[in-house]
């Protein structure tokens, strides 16, 4: 594979896309549920595949202090939500927007993003990009609510 170029679906197998790391992350999503007295909440839906993520969160000084999510998504959306939840506490809206931009650049331009690298093989599945970006979109919407 040339640097900066996504491999085509013919070059990537389903075993690479749905690797053990992706399936493990999808099966063990941190911070599931809903915060009982959340300061902010929002949902996002990927129109192409129908995946949906709802988030609730608490903030202090513009940073996330507590976070919960309800994830109804494909394995790739679940894995993305899992990786995000491992990093969410302490993030500001600017941080989340930057993470989303990095994730989108990895999926569309082959840019590096080590924190979400297990999802790199799925870049060839354009119809799943929305599911992998959902947790970012829902969190940004909660900040804006």
C-alpha atoms as a PDB file:
ATOM      1  CA  UNK A   1       0.000   0.000   0.000  1.00  0.00           C
ATOM      2  CA  UNK A   2       1.308   3.443  -0.887  1.00  0.00           C
ATOM      3  CA  UNK A   3       1.616   5.942   1.942  1.00  0.00           C
ATOM      4  CA  UNK A   4      -1.486   8.080   2.339  1.00  0.00           C
ATOM      5  CA  UNK A   5      -3.673   5.843   0.150  1.00  0.00           C
ATOM      6  CA  UNK A   6      -6.447   3.612   1.446  1.00  0.00           C
ATOM      7  CA  UNK A   7      -6.388   0.041   0.229  1.00  0.00           C
ATOM      8  CA  UNK A   8      -9.269  -1.072  -1.939  1.00  0.00           C
ATOM      9  CA  UNK A   9     -11.765  -3.623  -0.680  1.00  0.00           C
ATOM     10  CA  UNK A  10     -10.165  -6.212  -2.951  1.00  0.00           C
ATOM     11  CA  UNK A  11      -6.842  -5.687  -1.137  1.00  0.00           C
ATOM     12  CA  UNK A  12      -8.351  -5.900   2.347  1.00  0.00           C
ATOM     13  CA  UNK A  13     -10.085  -8.985   3.678  1.00  0.00           C
ATOM     14  CA  UNK A  14     -13.020  -9.028   6.055  1.00  0.00           C
ATOM     15  CA  UNK A  15     -10.687 -10.668   8.577  1.00  0.00           C
ATOM     16  CA  UNK A  16      -8.521  -7.526   8.495  1.00  0.00           C
ATOM     17  CA  UNK A  17     -11.529  -5.215   8.813  1.00  0.00           C
ATOM     18  CA  UNK A  18     -13.182  -7.222  11.578  1.00  0.00           C
ATOM     19  CA  UNK A  19      -9.946  -8.113  13.348  1.00  0.00           C
ATOM     20  CA  UNK A  20      -9.764  -9.592  16.816  1.00  0.00           C
ATOM     21  CA  UNK A  21      -8.878  -6.125  18.139  1.00  0.00           C
ATOM     22  CA  UNK A  22     -11.983  -4.563  16.534  1.00  0.00           C
ATOM     23  CA  UNK A  23     -14.281  -7.330  17.746  1.00  0.00           C
ATOM     24  CA  UNK A  24     -12.801  -7.176  21.257  1.00  0.00           C
ATOM     25  CA  UNK A  25     -13.313  -3.412  21.427  1.00  0.00           C
ATOM     26  CA  UNK A  26     -16.863  -3.784  20.093  1.00  0.00           C
ATOM     27  CA  UNK A  27     -17.689  -6.428  22.693  1.00  0.00           C
ATOM     28  CA  UNK A  28     -16.328  -4.455  25.644  1.00  0.00           C
ATOM     29  CA  UNK A  29     -17.580  -0.884  25.323  1.00  0.00           C
ATOM     30  CA  UNK A  30     -16.819   1.251  28.381  1.00  0.00           C
ATOM     31  CA  UNK A  31     -19.254   3.755  29.856  1.00  0.00           C
ATOM     32  CA  UNK A  32     -22.453   2.146  28.602  1.00  0.00           C
ATOM     33  CA  UNK A  33     -25.762   3.442  29.901  1.00  0.00           C
ATOM     34  CA  UNK A  34     -27.095   6.858  30.731  1.00  0.00           C
ATOM     35  CA  UNK A  35     -26.118   9.376  33.397  1.00  0.00           C
ATOM     36  CA  UNK A  36     -29.108   9.980  35.690  1.00  0.00           C
ATOM     37  CA  UNK A  37     -28.732  13.770  35.982  1.00  0.00           C
ATOM     38  CA  UNK A  38     -26.726  14.597  32.883  1.00  0.00           C
ATOM     39  CA  UNK A  39     -25.885  18.193  32.092  1.00  0.00           C
ATOM     40  CA  UNK A  40     -25.881  17.511  28.345  1.00  0.00           C
ATOM     41  CA  UNK A  41     -27.189  14.833  26.012  1.00  0.00           C
ATOM     42  CA  UNK A  42     -27.614  14.187  22.310  1.00  0.00           C
ATOM     43  CA  UNK A  43     -28.042  11.422  19.776  1.00  0.00           C
ATOM     44  CA  UNK A  44     -26.609  10.912  16.332  1.00  0.00           C
ATOM     45  CA  UNK A  45     -27.650   8.502  13.580  1.00  0.00           C
ATOM     46  CA  UNK A  46     -25.755   7.344  10.530  1.00  0.00           C
ATOM     47  CA  UNK A  47     -28.331   7.527   7.716  1.00  0.00           C
ATOM     48  CA  UNK A  48     -26.655   4.999   5.420  1.00  0.00           C
ATOM     49  CA  UNK A  49     -26.473   2.109   7.896  1.00  0.00           C
ATOM     50  CA  UNK A  50     -28.954   3.193  10.590  1.00  0.00           C
ATOM     51  CA  UNK A  51     -26.449   3.005  13.444  1.00  0.00           C
ATOM     52  CA  UNK A  52     -27.311   5.260  16.387  1.00  0.00           C
ATOM     53  CA  UNK A  53     -25.451   6.491  19.460  1.00  0.00           C
ATOM     54  CA  UNK A  54     -26.888   8.537  22.316  1.00  0.00           C
ATOM     55  CA  UNK A  55     -24.593  10.186  24.839  1.00  0.00           C
ATOM     56  CA  UNK A  56     -25.073  11.852  28.188  1.00  0.00           C
ATOM     57  CA  UNK A  57     -22.332  13.803  29.895  1.00  0.00           C
ATOM     58  CA  UNK A  58     -21.422  16.129  32.699  1.00  0.00           C
ATOM     59  CA  UNK A  59     -19.061  19.065  32.289  1.00  0.00           C
ATOM     60  CA  UNK A  60     -16.902  21.296  34.416  1.00  0.00           C
ATOM     61  CA  UNK A  61     -14.958  24.211  32.988  1.00  0.00           C
ATOM     62  CA  UNK A  62     -15.854  23.082  29.469  1.00  0.00           C
ATOM     63  CA  UNK A  63     -14.420  19.583  29.934  1.00  0.00           C
ATOM     64  CA  UNK A  64     -16.151  16.217  30.206  1.00  0.00           C
ATOM     65  CA  UNK A  65     -16.163  14.946  33.785  1.00  0.00           C
ATOM     66  CA  UNK A  66     -18.528  12.007  33.309  1.00  0.00           C
ATOM     67  CA  UNK A  67     -19.856  10.289  30.212  1.00  0.00           C
ATOM     68  CA  UNK A  68     -22.229   7.477  29.281  1.00  0.00           C
ATOM     69  CA  UNK A  69     -23.385   6.155  25.934  1.00  0.00           C
ATOM     70  CA  UNK A  70     -26.079   3.953  24.483  1.00  0.00           C
ATOM     71  CA  UNK A  71     -24.699   2.302  21.348  1.00  0.00           C
ATOM     72  CA  UNK A  72     -26.829   0.677  18.654  1.00  0.00           C
ATOM     73  CA  UNK A  73     -24.282   0.300  15.885  1.00  0.00           C
ATOM     74  CA  UNK A  74     -22.375  -2.155  13.755  1.00  0.00           C
ATOM     75  CA  UNK A  75     -19.151  -3.659  15.102  1.00  0.00           C
ATOM     76  CA  UNK A  76     -17.124  -0.803  13.585  1.00  0.00           C
ATOM     77  CA  UNK A  77     -19.303   1.859  15.225  1.00  0.00           C
ATOM     78  CA  UNK A  78     -19.149  -0.064  18.489  1.00  0.00           C
ATOM     79  CA  UNK A  79     -15.359  -0.324  18.323  1.00  0.00           C
ATOM     80  CA  UNK A  80     -15.054   3.409  17.647  1.00  0.00           C
ATOM     81  CA  UNK A  81     -17.354   4.182  20.606  1.00  0.00           C
ATOM     82  CA  UNK A  82     -15.261   1.865  22.765  1.00  0.00           C
ATOM     83  CA  UNK A  83     -11.960   3.512  21.846  1.00  0.00           C
ATOM     84  CA  UNK A  84     -13.487   6.974  22.333  1.00  0.00           C
ATOM     85  CA  UNK A  85     -14.902   6.092  25.770  1.00  0.00           C
ATOM     86  CA  UNK A  86     -11.428   5.064  26.930  1.00  0.00           C
ATOM     87  CA  UNK A  87     -10.251   8.655  26.260  1.00  0.00           C
ATOM     88  CA  UNK A  88     -13.309  10.847  26.856  1.00  0.00           C
ATOM     89  CA  UNK A  89     -12.831  12.122  30.419  1.00  0.00           C
ATOM     90  CA  UNK A  90     -11.173  15.528  30.414  1.00  0.00           C
ATOM     91  CA  UNK A  91     -11.874  16.325  26.770  1.00  0.00           C
ATOM     92  CA  UNK A  92     -13.135  19.738  25.667  1.00  0.00           C
ATOM     93  CA  UNK A  93     -15.315  20.415  22.628  1.00  0.00           C
ATOM     94  CA  UNK A  94     -12.183  21.502  20.753  1.00  0.00           C
ATOM     95  CA  UNK A  95     -10.505  18.188  21.645  1.00  0.00           C
ATOM     96  CA  UNK A  96     -13.480  16.145  20.412  1.00  0.00           C
ATOM     97  CA  UNK A  97     -13.682  18.145  17.170  1.00  0.00           C
ATOM     98  CA  UNK A  98      -9.946  17.590  16.609  1.00  0.00           C
ATOM     99  CA  UNK A  99     -10.344  13.843  17.263  1.00  0.00           C
ATOM    100  CA  UNK A 100     -13.221  13.683  14.780  1.00  0.00           C
ATOM    101  CA  UNK A 101     -11.138  15.489  12.160  1.00  0.00           C
ATOM    102  CA  UNK A 102      -8.247  13.062  12.744  1.00  0.00           C
ATOM    103  CA  UNK A 103     -10.580  10.083  12.460  1.00  0.00           C
ATOM    104  CA  UNK A 104     -12.120  11.406   9.240  1.00  0.00           C
ATOM    105  CA  UNK A 105      -8.661  12.090   7.804  1.00  0.00           C
ATOM    106  CA  UNK A 106      -7.601   8.532   8.650  1.00  0.00           C
ATOM    107  CA  UNK A 107     -10.686   7.119   6.951  1.00  0.00           C
ATOM    108  CA  UNK A 108     -10.632   9.319   3.851  1.00  0.00           C
ATOM    109  CA  UNK A 109      -6.987  10.248   3.340  1.00  0.00           C
ATOM    110  CA  UNK A 110      -5.033   7.486   5.064  1.00  0.00           C
ATOM    111  CA  UNK A 111      -3.684   9.938   7.657  1.00  0.00           C
ATOM    112  CA  UNK A 112      -2.145   8.482  10.805  1.00  0.00           C
ATOM    113  CA  UNK A 113      -4.275   8.210  13.930  1.00  0.00           C
ATOM    114  CA  UNK A 114      -2.626   5.705  16.268  1.00  0.00           C
ATOM    115  CA  UNK A 115      -5.384   5.825  18.921  1.00  0.00           C
ATOM    116  CA  UNK A 116      -7.922   4.470  16.405  1.00  0.00           C
ATOM    117  CA  UNK A 117      -5.553   2.528  14.145  1.00  0.00           C
ATOM    118  CA  UNK A 118      -7.429  -0.764  14.571  1.00  0.00           C
ATOM    119  CA  UNK A 119     -10.161   0.796  12.406  1.00  0.00           C
ATOM    120  CA  UNK A 120      -7.807   1.756   9.568  1.00  0.00           C
ATOM    121  CA  UNK A 121      -8.636  -1.333   7.417  1.00  0.00           C
ATOM    122  CA  UNK A 122     -12.312  -0.282   7.471  1.00  0.00           C
ATOM    123  CA  UNK A 123     -11.489   2.910   5.551  1.00  0.00           C
ATOM    124  CA  UNK A 124     -12.334   0.977   2.398  1.00  0.00           C
ATOM    125  CA  UNK A 125     -15.931   0.627   3.625  1.00  0.00           C
ATOM    126  CA  UNK A 126     -17.130   4.166   2.909  1.00  0.00           C
ATOM    127  CA  UNK A 127     -20.688   3.222   3.850  1.00  0.00           C
ATOM    128  CA  UNK A 128     -19.431   2.563   7.410  1.00  0.00           C
ATOM    129  CA  UNK A 129     -17.556   5.850   7.900  1.00  0.00           C
ATOM    130  CA  UNK A 130     -20.676   7.440   9.384  1.00  0.00           C
ATOM    131  CA  UNK A 131     -20.960   4.693  11.999  1.00  0.00           C
ATOM    132  CA  UNK A 132     -17.317   5.133  13.004  1.00  0.00           C
ATOM    133  CA  UNK A 133     -17.785   8.913  13.333  1.00  0.00           C
ATOM    134  CA  UNK A 134     -21.071   8.694  15.262  1.00  0.00           C
ATOM    135  CA  UNK A 135     -19.674   8.882  18.789  1.00  0.00           C
ATOM    136  CA  UNK A 136     -17.804  12.069  17.877  1.00  0.00           C
ATOM    137  CA  UNK A 137     -20.909  13.573  16.256  1.00  0.00           C
ATOM    138  CA  UNK A 138     -23.160  12.727  19.213  1.00  0.00           C
ATOM    139  CA  UNK A 139     -20.636  14.142  21.682  1.00  0.00           C
ATOM    140  CA  UNK A 140     -20.221  17.345  19.694  1.00  0.00           C
ATOM    141  CA  UNK A 141     -24.018  17.679  19.513  1.00  0.00           C
ATOM    142  CA  UNK A 142     -24.201  17.259  23.307  1.00  0.00           C
ATOM    143  CA  UNK A 143     -21.660  20.050  23.751  1.00  0.00           C
ATOM    144  CA  UNK A 144     -23.809  22.242  21.489  1.00  0.00           C
ATOM    145  CA  UNK A 145     -27.149  21.365  23.118  1.00  0.00           C
END
